[in-house]
Structures are given as structure tokens and as C-alpha cells.
């Protein structure tokens, strides 16, 4: 069950890939491969507001998950995929950065 919460990251080469995985509150997922690390405005657009970075552990590495800092306060729809990974309720769309540091 612990591994099941990370199914969204399965198959990624954490050492060499640079990817953004958008996990939407409606349960959909979108994989992006931008040429450069997203800037603050892009990150805020993806989550719909101020950002907060939560580092989650996956295969012994810390992976940054970026969430809407006020998602729960504004009663955004719960994001069950992200909540399972973070072991905490998450409101709204989030994204996981693979291969970049924040």
C-alpha cells in the first residue's frame, strides 16, 4: 500500500529526467517536459495561487511537490492523488518537479 501511493511516479528515471507532473484535483494527470525550470508565475498559474513546496520521499530521494498554499482555506476541491502521496489533505491542483531543485 505504501508503494501504491507513488504509482504516479512509477517508471520515471529520477536521476536523468526533467519533468513536471501536474496532478489535477479532478483526478487527471498531465506530464510536461519544459526546456527550463518553471518560474514563479508559471508555478502559481499551475496551482491557481500562492505556492507552498512540500518535499515527499520517493525511493530514498526528496521530490518537491508544489501545492496551492491556501487550497484548503479557499475550499478548493480535494486532490486525492496528491493527498495520498503527501499523507495530508491537499486542496486544488498540484505538480511534482522531477529533476529540478527548488
N, C-alpha and C. Protein backbone atom coordinates (compact mmCIF):
# COMPACT_ATOMS: atom_id res chain seq x y z
N UNK A 1 0.82 -1.21 0.00
CA UNK A 1 0.00 0.00 0.00
C UNK A 1 0.86 1.26 0.00
N UNK A 2 1.99 1.24 0.71
CA UNK A 2 2.87 2.40 0.73
C UNK A 2 3.37 2.69 -0.68
N UNK A 3 3.75 1.66 -1.43
CA UNK A 3 4.22 1.85 -2.80
C UNK A 3 3.10 2.33 -3.70
N UNK A 4 1.87 1.92 -3.45
CA UNK A 4 0.74 2.29 -4.30
C UNK A 4 0.53 3.79 -4.35
N UNK A 5 0.84 4.49 -3.28
CA UNK A 5 0.62 5.93 -3.28
C UNK A 5 1.56 6.64 -4.23
N UNK A 6 2.63 5.98 -4.66
CA UNK A 6 3.59 6.58 -5.57
C UNK A 6 3.46 6.06 -7.00
N UNK A 7 2.36 5.40 -7.34
CA UNK A 7 2.16 4.90 -8.69
C UNK A 7 2.33 5.99 -9.73
N UNK A 8 2.00 7.23 -9.37
CA UNK A 8 2.09 8.35 -10.29
C UNK A 8 3.54 8.60 -10.71
N UNK A 9 4.51 8.16 -9.90
CA UNK A 9 5.91 8.37 -10.20
C UNK A 9 6.59 7.13 -10.77
N UNK A 10 5.84 6.04 -10.88
CA UNK A 10 6.42 4.78 -11.34
C UNK A 10 6.97 4.92 -12.75
N UNK A 11 8.13 4.34 -12.97
CA UNK A 11 8.72 4.33 -14.30
C UNK A 11 9.57 5.54 -14.64
N UNK A 12 9.67 6.50 -13.74
CA UNK A 12 10.48 7.68 -14.00
C UNK A 12 11.93 7.41 -13.63
N UNK A 13 12.85 7.93 -14.43
CA UNK A 13 14.26 7.88 -14.07
C UNK A 13 14.57 9.16 -13.32
N UNK A 14 14.56 9.07 -12.01
CA UNK A 14 14.69 10.25 -11.16
C UNK A 14 16.05 10.92 -11.33
N UNK A 15 17.06 10.18 -11.79
CA UNK A 15 18.40 10.74 -11.90
C UNK A 15 18.59 11.56 -13.17
N UNK A 16 17.88 11.22 -14.25
CA UNK A 16 18.17 11.87 -15.53
C UNK A 16 17.00 12.65 -16.13
N UNK A 17 15.78 12.33 -15.77
CA UNK A 17 14.63 13.02 -16.38
C UNK A 17 14.38 14.37 -15.76
N UNK A 18 13.94 15.31 -16.60
CA UNK A 18 13.45 16.61 -16.13
C UNK A 18 12.02 16.71 -16.61
N UNK A 19 11.12 16.69 -15.65
CA UNK A 19 9.71 16.60 -15.99
C UNK A 19 8.88 17.32 -14.95
N UNK A 20 7.71 17.76 -15.37
CA UNK A 20 6.71 18.31 -14.45
C UNK A 20 5.48 17.43 -14.58
N UNK A 21 5.00 16.93 -13.46
CA UNK A 21 3.79 16.10 -13.45
C UNK A 21 2.70 16.90 -12.76
N UNK A 22 1.70 17.31 -13.54
CA UNK A 22 0.55 18.02 -12.99
C UNK A 22 -0.48 17.00 -12.53
N UNK A 23 -0.86 17.09 -11.27
CA UNK A 23 -1.91 16.23 -10.72
C UNK A 23 -3.10 17.13 -10.42
N UNK A 24 -4.13 16.99 -11.21
CA UNK A 24 -5.29 17.87 -11.05
C UNK A 24 -6.27 17.27 -10.04
N UNK A 25 -7.01 18.15 -9.40
CA UNK A 25 -7.97 17.73 -8.39
C UNK A 25 -9.08 16.86 -8.97
N UNK A 26 -9.30 16.97 -10.29
CA UNK A 26 -10.34 16.13 -10.92
C UNK A 26 -9.85 14.71 -11.21
N UNK A 27 -8.62 14.41 -10.79
CA UNK A 27 -8.08 13.06 -10.94
C UNK A 27 -7.25 12.85 -12.20
N UNK A 28 -7.16 13.85 -13.05
CA UNK A 28 -6.38 13.70 -14.27
C UNK A 28 -4.92 14.06 -14.01
N UNK A 29 -4.09 13.63 -14.92
CA UNK A 29 -2.65 13.86 -14.83
C UNK A 29 -2.15 14.36 -16.17
N UNK A 30 -1.20 15.27 -16.13
CA UNK A 30 -0.59 15.77 -17.35
C UNK A 30 0.92 15.81 -17.14
N UNK A 31 1.67 15.19 -18.04
CA UNK A 31 3.13 15.20 -17.97
C UNK A 31 3.67 16.25 -18.93
N UNK A 32 4.52 17.13 -18.42
CA UNK A 32 5.12 18.17 -19.23
C UNK A 32 6.64 18.01 -19.20
N UNK A 33 7.30 18.39 -20.29
CA UNK A 33 8.76 18.37 -20.34
C UNK A 33 9.25 19.74 -20.79
N UNK A 34 9.16 20.74 -19.90
CA UNK A 34 9.62 22.07 -20.26
C UNK A 34 11.13 22.10 -20.45
N UNK A 35 11.59 23.04 -21.27
CA UNK A 35 13.02 23.15 -21.54
C UNK A 35 13.79 23.78 -20.38
N UNK A 36 13.10 24.56 -19.55
CA UNK A 36 13.76 25.17 -18.39
C UNK A 36 12.87 25.05 -17.18
N UNK A 37 13.47 25.25 -16.00
CA UNK A 37 12.70 25.16 -14.76
C UNK A 37 11.62 26.23 -14.77
N UNK A 38 10.38 25.87 -14.38
CA UNK A 38 9.29 26.85 -14.36
C UNK A 38 9.60 28.01 -13.42
N UNK A 39 9.20 29.22 -13.82
CA UNK A 39 9.38 30.37 -12.94
C UNK A 39 8.19 30.49 -11.99
N UNK A 40 8.28 31.44 -11.06
CA UNK A 40 7.25 31.59 -10.03
C UNK A 40 5.87 31.80 -10.63
N UNK A 41 5.76 32.66 -11.64
CA UNK A 41 4.45 32.93 -12.24
C UNK A 41 3.84 31.66 -12.83
N UNK A 42 4.65 30.87 -13.54
CA UNK A 42 4.16 29.62 -14.13
C UNK A 42 3.68 28.67 -13.04
N UNK A 43 4.46 28.57 -11.95
CA UNK A 43 4.07 27.68 -10.85
C UNK A 43 2.77 28.14 -10.21
N UNK A 44 2.62 29.45 -10.02
CA UNK A 44 1.38 29.98 -9.44
C UNK A 44 0.19 29.74 -10.37
N UNK A 45 0.41 29.86 -11.67
CA UNK A 45 -0.66 29.57 -12.63
C UNK A 45 -1.10 28.12 -12.54
N UNK A 46 -0.15 27.20 -12.43
CA UNK A 46 -0.49 25.78 -12.37
C UNK A 46 -1.30 25.44 -11.13
N UNK A 47 -1.00 26.06 -9.98
CA UNK A 47 -1.73 25.71 -8.75
C UNK A 47 -2.87 26.68 -8.46
N UNK A 48 -2.95 27.76 -9.20
CA UNK A 48 -4.05 28.70 -9.01
C UNK A 48 -3.91 29.62 -7.82
N UNK A 49 -2.68 29.98 -7.44
CA UNK A 49 -2.49 30.89 -6.31
C UNK A 49 -1.07 30.82 -5.78
N UNK A 50 -0.93 31.25 -4.52
CA UNK A 50 0.38 31.21 -3.87
C UNK A 50 0.85 29.77 -3.75
N UNK A 51 2.16 29.57 -3.87
CA UNK A 51 2.68 28.21 -3.82
C UNK A 51 3.26 27.87 -2.46
N UNK A 52 3.23 26.60 -2.15
CA UNK A 52 3.91 26.03 -0.99
C UNK A 52 4.59 24.76 -1.48
N UNK A 53 5.83 24.55 -1.09
CA UNK A 53 6.58 23.36 -1.50
C UNK A 53 6.58 22.35 -0.37
N UNK A 54 6.15 21.15 -0.71
CA UNK A 54 6.18 20.02 0.23
C UNK A 54 7.15 19.01 -0.37
N UNK A 55 8.13 18.59 0.40
CA UNK A 55 9.05 17.58 -0.09
C UNK A 55 8.58 16.20 0.37
N UNK A 56 8.35 15.33 -0.60
CA UNK A 56 7.92 13.97 -0.30
C UNK A 56 9.06 13.02 -0.65
N UNK A 57 9.17 11.94 0.08
CA UNK A 57 10.22 10.96 -0.16
C UNK A 57 9.75 9.92 -1.15
N UNK A 58 10.62 9.62 -2.12
CA UNK A 58 10.34 8.56 -3.10
C UNK A 58 11.65 7.89 -3.44
N UNK A 59 11.73 6.59 -3.20
CA UNK A 59 12.93 5.80 -3.47
C UNK A 59 14.18 6.46 -2.87
N UNK A 60 14.05 6.93 -1.63
CA UNK A 60 15.18 7.50 -0.92
C UNK A 60 15.55 8.92 -1.31
N UNK A 61 14.79 9.53 -2.19
CA UNK A 61 15.07 10.89 -2.62
C UNK A 61 13.91 11.80 -2.23
N UNK A 62 14.24 13.06 -1.96
CA UNK A 62 13.21 14.07 -1.70
C UNK A 62 12.76 14.65 -3.03
N UNK A 63 11.47 14.65 -3.26
CA UNK A 63 10.89 15.16 -4.50
C UNK A 63 9.99 16.34 -4.15
N UNK A 64 10.17 17.51 -4.79
CA UNK A 64 9.32 18.65 -4.46
C UNK A 64 7.92 18.54 -5.10
N UNK A 65 6.92 18.63 -4.25
CA UNK A 65 5.53 18.72 -4.70
C UNK A 65 5.08 20.16 -4.39
N UNK A 66 4.60 20.85 -5.39
CA UNK A 66 4.18 22.24 -5.22
C UNK A 66 2.67 22.29 -5.17
N UNK A 67 2.14 22.88 -4.11
CA UNK A 67 0.69 22.93 -3.88
C UNK A 67 0.25 24.37 -3.73
N UNK A 68 -1.06 24.58 -3.78
CA UNK A 68 -1.64 25.90 -3.51
C UNK A 68 -1.61 26.09 -1.99
N UNK A 69 -0.87 27.09 -1.55
CA UNK A 69 -0.70 27.34 -0.12
C UNK A 69 -2.03 27.52 0.61
N UNK A 70 -3.02 28.07 -0.07
CA UNK A 70 -4.31 28.35 0.56
C UNK A 70 -5.44 27.47 -0.01
N UNK A 71 -5.05 26.35 -0.59
CA UNK A 71 -6.03 25.47 -1.23
C UNK A 71 -7.15 25.02 -0.31
N UNK A 72 -6.81 24.65 0.90
CA UNK A 72 -7.83 24.19 1.85
C UNK A 72 -8.62 25.37 2.41
N UNK A 73 -7.95 26.48 2.65
CA UNK A 73 -8.63 27.68 3.17
C UNK A 73 -9.71 28.14 2.19
N UNK A 74 -9.37 28.11 0.89
CA UNK A 74 -10.32 28.54 -0.14
C UNK A 74 -11.27 27.42 -0.56
N UNK A 75 -11.19 26.31 0.13
CA UNK A 75 -12.07 25.17 -0.12
C UNK A 75 -12.02 24.69 -1.57
N UNK A 76 -10.80 24.64 -2.12
CA UNK A 76 -10.63 24.07 -3.45
C UNK A 76 -10.94 22.58 -3.36
N UNK A 77 -11.33 21.97 -4.46
CA UNK A 77 -11.64 20.53 -4.42
C UNK A 77 -10.43 19.74 -3.91
N UNK A 78 -10.71 18.72 -3.11
CA UNK A 78 -9.63 17.88 -2.59
C UNK A 78 -8.95 17.15 -3.73
N UNK A 79 -7.63 17.07 -3.65
CA UNK A 79 -6.84 16.35 -4.63
C UNK A 79 -6.40 15.04 -3.97
N UNK A 80 -7.14 13.98 -4.28
CA UNK A 80 -6.91 12.72 -3.60
C UNK A 80 -5.58 12.08 -3.98
N UNK A 81 -5.15 12.23 -5.25
CA UNK A 81 -3.85 11.69 -5.65
C UNK A 81 -2.73 12.34 -4.84
N UNK A 82 -2.73 13.66 -4.79
CA UNK A 82 -1.68 14.40 -4.07
C UNK A 82 -1.77 14.13 -2.58
N UNK A 83 -2.97 14.07 -2.04
CA UNK A 83 -3.14 13.81 -0.62
C UNK A 83 -2.59 12.47 -0.20
N UNK A 84 -2.75 11.47 -1.06
CA UNK A 84 -2.20 10.14 -0.77
C UNK A 84 -0.68 10.18 -0.72
N UNK A 85 -0.08 10.91 -1.66
CA UNK A 85 1.38 10.99 -1.71
C UNK A 85 1.92 11.76 -0.50
N UNK A 86 1.26 12.87 -0.16
CA UNK A 86 1.74 13.74 0.93
C UNK A 86 1.29 13.27 2.31
N UNK A 87 0.40 12.29 2.37
CA UNK A 87 -0.19 11.85 3.63
C UNK A 87 -0.85 13.00 4.38
N UNK A 88 -1.49 13.89 3.61
CA UNK A 88 -2.13 15.06 4.18
C UNK A 88 -3.16 15.57 3.18
N UNK A 89 -4.26 16.15 3.64
CA UNK A 89 -5.24 16.68 2.68
C UNK A 89 -4.63 17.84 1.88
N UNK A 90 -4.90 17.83 0.59
CA UNK A 90 -4.40 18.86 -0.32
C UNK A 90 -5.60 19.37 -1.12
N UNK A 91 -5.72 20.69 -1.20
CA UNK A 91 -6.80 21.28 -1.99
C UNK A 91 -6.28 21.85 -3.29
N UNK A 92 -6.91 21.48 -4.40
CA UNK A 92 -6.57 22.05 -5.70
C UNK A 92 -5.53 21.25 -6.46
N UNK A 93 -5.14 21.83 -7.60
CA UNK A 93 -4.15 21.21 -8.48
C UNK A 93 -2.76 21.36 -7.89
N UNK A 94 -1.91 20.38 -8.14
CA UNK A 94 -0.52 20.40 -7.67
C UNK A 94 0.38 19.94 -8.81
N UNK A 95 1.67 20.10 -8.62
CA UNK A 95 2.60 19.48 -9.55
C UNK A 95 3.83 19.01 -8.80
N UNK A 96 4.46 18.01 -9.41
CA UNK A 96 5.68 17.42 -8.87
C UNK A 96 6.79 17.73 -9.86
N UNK A 97 7.90 18.24 -9.34
CA UNK A 97 9.07 18.54 -10.18
C UNK A 97 10.04 17.37 -10.10
N UNK A 98 10.37 16.83 -11.25
CA UNK A 98 11.34 15.75 -11.34
C UNK A 98 12.58 16.31 -12.02
N UNK A 99 13.72 16.22 -11.35
CA UNK A 99 14.99 16.64 -11.95
C UNK A 99 15.37 18.08 -11.68
N UNK A 100 14.54 18.84 -10.99
CA UNK A 100 14.87 20.23 -10.64
C UNK A 100 14.78 20.40 -9.14
N UNK A 101 15.58 21.30 -8.62
CA UNK A 101 15.52 21.65 -7.20
C UNK A 101 14.79 22.98 -7.03
N UNK A 102 14.15 23.13 -5.91
CA UNK A 102 13.52 24.40 -5.57
C UNK A 102 14.17 24.99 -4.35
